[in-house]
Amino acid sequence: MPFLGALAGEISDAEVLAITQKHCVMCHARNPSHPAFNAPPRGVALETVDDLKVWAVKMREQVVELRNMPIGNETEMTEGEREMIGRWVDGM
């Protein structure tokens, strides 16, 4: 099936970056804005597409599989957003 990728709903880098900007970078930035952090936890910065690619497998684990992030779902990440991250990682 030549259109399988399109049917599966390919997720762009920009879409995933928008999700991480909304839900992750307040903590996972080189200079976090979240009052609990003065550095990104465990050195994980998720500010750029290159950052996302470095941490993609770990993001899939923590966000999609274990649902540990965002902590306590403080930013109210939706199931759809989690699914998009998983599909993006799977498509890499």
C-alpha atoms as a PDB file:
ATOM      1  CA  MET A   1       0.000   0.000   0.000  1.00  0.00           C
ATOM      2  CA  PRO A   2       1.812   3.109  -1.177  1.00  0.00           C
ATOM      3  CA  PHE A   3      -0.223   5.507   0.987  1.00  0.00           C
ATOM      4  CA  LEU A   4       0.099   3.675   4.287  1.00  0.00           C
ATOM      5  CA  GLY A   5       2.176   6.471   5.849  1.00  0.00           C
ATOM      6  CA  ALA A   6      -0.425   9.067   4.960  1.00  0.00           C
ATOM      7  CA  LEU A   7      -3.229   6.856   6.274  1.00  0.00           C
ATOM      8  CA  ALA A   8      -1.317   6.342   9.514  1.00  0.00           C
ATOM      9  CA  GLY A   9      -1.273  10.128   9.898  1.00  0.00           C
ATOM     10  CA  GLU A  10       2.317  11.255   9.777  1.00  0.00           C
ATOM     11  CA  ILE A  11       3.125  13.764  12.494  1.00  0.00           C
ATOM     12  CA  SER A  12       5.450  16.638  11.630  1.00  0.00           C
ATOM     13  CA  ASP A  13       8.385  17.866  13.669  1.00  0.00           C
ATOM     14  CA  ALA A  14       6.570  21.201  14.032  1.00  0.00           C
ATOM     15  CA  GLU A  15       3.473  19.525  15.515  1.00  0.00           C
ATOM     16  CA  VAL A  16       5.515  17.709  18.152  1.00  0.00           C
ATOM     17  CA  LEU A  17       7.546  20.827  18.893  1.00  0.00           C
ATOM     18  CA  ALA A  18       4.279  22.724  19.490  1.00  0.00           C
ATOM     19  CA  ILE A  19       3.177  20.024  21.961  1.00  0.00           C
ATOM     20  CA  THR A  20       6.474  20.142  23.846  1.00  0.00           C
ATOM     21  CA  GLN A  21       6.406  23.949  23.897  1.00  0.00           C
ATOM     22  CA  LYS A  22       2.948  23.771  25.490  1.00  0.00           C
ATOM     23  CA  HIS A  23       3.593  20.959  27.970  1.00  0.00           C
ATOM     24  CA  CYS A  24       7.319  20.377  28.540  1.00  0.00           C
ATOM     25  CA  VAL A  25       9.622  23.371  28.183  1.00  0.00           C
ATOM     26  CA  MET A  26       8.552  25.164  31.334  1.00  0.00           C
ATOM     27  CA  CYS A  27      10.681  22.474  33.054  1.00  0.00           C
ATOM     28  CA  HIS A  28      12.699  20.962  30.199  1.00  0.00           C
ATOM     29  CA  ALA A  29      14.412  24.125  28.951  1.00  0.00           C
ATOM     30  CA  ARG A  30      18.006  25.205  29.325  1.00  0.00           C
ATOM     31  CA  ASN A  31      16.610  27.986  31.545  1.00  0.00           C
ATOM     32  CA  PRO A  32      13.307  26.606  32.917  1.00  0.00           C
ATOM     33  CA  SER A  33      10.493  29.012  33.737  1.00  0.00           C
ATOM     34  CA  HIS A  34       8.906  26.591  36.243  1.00  0.00           C
ATOM     35  CA  PRO A  35       9.715  27.819  39.760  1.00  0.00           C
ATOM     36  CA  ALA A  36      10.748  24.338  40.941  1.00  0.00           C
ATOM     37  CA  PHE A  37      13.713  24.104  38.548  1.00  0.00           C
ATOM     38  CA  ASN A  38      16.804  26.176  37.890  1.00  0.00           C
ATOM     39  CA  ALA A  39      18.111  23.684  35.313  1.00  0.00           C
ATOM     40  CA  PRO A  40      16.388  21.102  33.113  1.00  0.00           C
ATOM     41  CA  PRO A  41      15.641  17.912  35.082  1.00  0.00           C
ATOM     42  CA  ARG A  42      18.213  15.213  34.316  1.00  0.00           C
ATOM     43  CA  GLY A  43      19.732  17.537  31.732  1.00  0.00           C
ATOM     44  CA  VAL A  44      16.819  16.941  29.350  1.00  0.00           C
ATOM     45  CA  ALA A  45      16.084  20.060  27.286  1.00  0.00           C
ATOM     46  CA  LEU A  46      13.238  19.812  24.760  1.00  0.00           C
ATOM     47  CA  GLU A  47      13.377  23.231  23.131  1.00  0.00           C
ATOM     48  CA  THR A  48      14.309  22.399  19.539  1.00  0.00           C
ATOM     49  CA  VAL A  49      13.557  19.683  16.996  1.00  0.00           C
ATOM     50  CA  ASP A  50      17.165  18.512  17.387  1.00  0.00           C
ATOM     51  CA  ASP A  51      16.597  18.190  21.155  1.00  0.00           C
ATOM     52  CA  LEU A  52      13.425  16.192  20.520  1.00  0.00           C
ATOM     53  CA  LYS A  53      15.242  13.816  18.202  1.00  0.00           C
ATOM     54  CA  VAL A  54      17.968  13.205  20.799  1.00  0.00           C
ATOM     55  CA  TRP A  55      15.400  12.399  23.488  1.00  0.00           C
ATOM     56  CA  ALA A  56      12.693  10.802  21.276  1.00  0.00           C
ATOM     57  CA  VAL A  57      12.909   7.263  22.663  1.00  0.00           C
ATOM     58  CA  LYS A  58      12.926   8.509  26.254  1.00  0.00           C
ATOM     59  CA  MET A  59      10.014  10.860  25.506  1.00  0.00           C
ATOM     60  CA  ARG A  60       7.999   7.952  24.127  1.00  0.00           C
ATOM     61  CA  GLU A  61       8.725   5.954  27.270  1.00  0.00           C
ATOM     62  CA  GLN A  62       7.978   8.723  29.787  1.00  0.00           C
ATOM     63  CA  VAL A  63       5.083  10.470  27.996  1.00  0.00           C
ATOM     64  CA  VAL A  64       3.324   7.743  26.022  1.00  0.00           C
ATOM     65  CA  GLU A  65       4.061   4.424  27.703  1.00  0.00           C
ATOM     66  CA  LEU A  66       4.540   5.227  31.405  1.00  0.00           C
ATOM     67  CA  ARG A  67       2.636   8.540  31.414  1.00  0.00           C
ATOM     68  CA  ASN A  68       5.082   9.929  33.999  1.00  0.00           C
ATOM     69  CA  MET A  69       5.375  13.225  32.148  1.00  0.00           C
ATOM     70  CA  PRO A  70       4.255  15.883  32.507  1.00  0.00           C
ATOM     71  CA  ILE A  71       4.503  15.261  36.256  1.00  0.00           C
ATOM     72  CA  GLY A  72       1.003  14.923  37.648  1.00  0.00           C
ATOM     73  CA  ASN A  73      -0.161  15.986  34.178  1.00  0.00           C
ATOM     74  CA  GLU A  74       0.163  19.537  35.519  1.00  0.00           C
ATOM     75  CA  THR A  75      -0.264  20.981  32.019  1.00  0.00           C
ATOM     76  CA  GLU A  76      -3.195  18.711  31.137  1.00  0.00           C
ATOM     77  CA  MET A  77      -1.638  16.931  28.159  1.00  0.00           C
ATOM     78  CA  THR A  78      -4.382  15.145  26.238  1.00  0.00           C
ATOM     79  CA  GLU A  79      -4.432  11.531  25.115  1.00  0.00           C
ATOM     80  CA  GLY A  80      -4.398  12.816  21.549  1.00  0.00           C
ATOM     81  CA  GLU A  81      -1.193  14.766  22.183  1.00  0.00           C
ATOM     82  CA  ARG A  82       0.420  11.697  23.762  1.00  0.00           C
ATOM     83  CA  GLU A  83      -0.629   9.636  20.746  1.00  0.00           C
ATOM     84  CA  MET A  84       0.859  12.214  18.375  1.00  0.00           C
ATOM     85  CA  ILE A  85       4.210  12.065  20.179  1.00  0.00           C
ATOM     86  CA  GLY A  86       4.169   8.273  19.992  1.00  0.00           C
ATOM     87  CA  ARG A  87       3.350   8.296  16.292  1.00  0.00           C
ATOM     88  CA  TRP A  88       6.078  10.859  15.636  1.00  0.00           C
ATOM     89  CA  VAL A  89       8.688   8.735  17.434  1.00  0.00           C
ATOM     90  CA  ASP A  90       7.500   5.590  15.643  1.00  0.00           C
ATOM     91  CA  GLY A  91       7.827   7.393  12.307  1.00  0.00           C
ATOM     92  CA  MET A  92      11.445   8.392  12.850  1.00  0.00           C
END
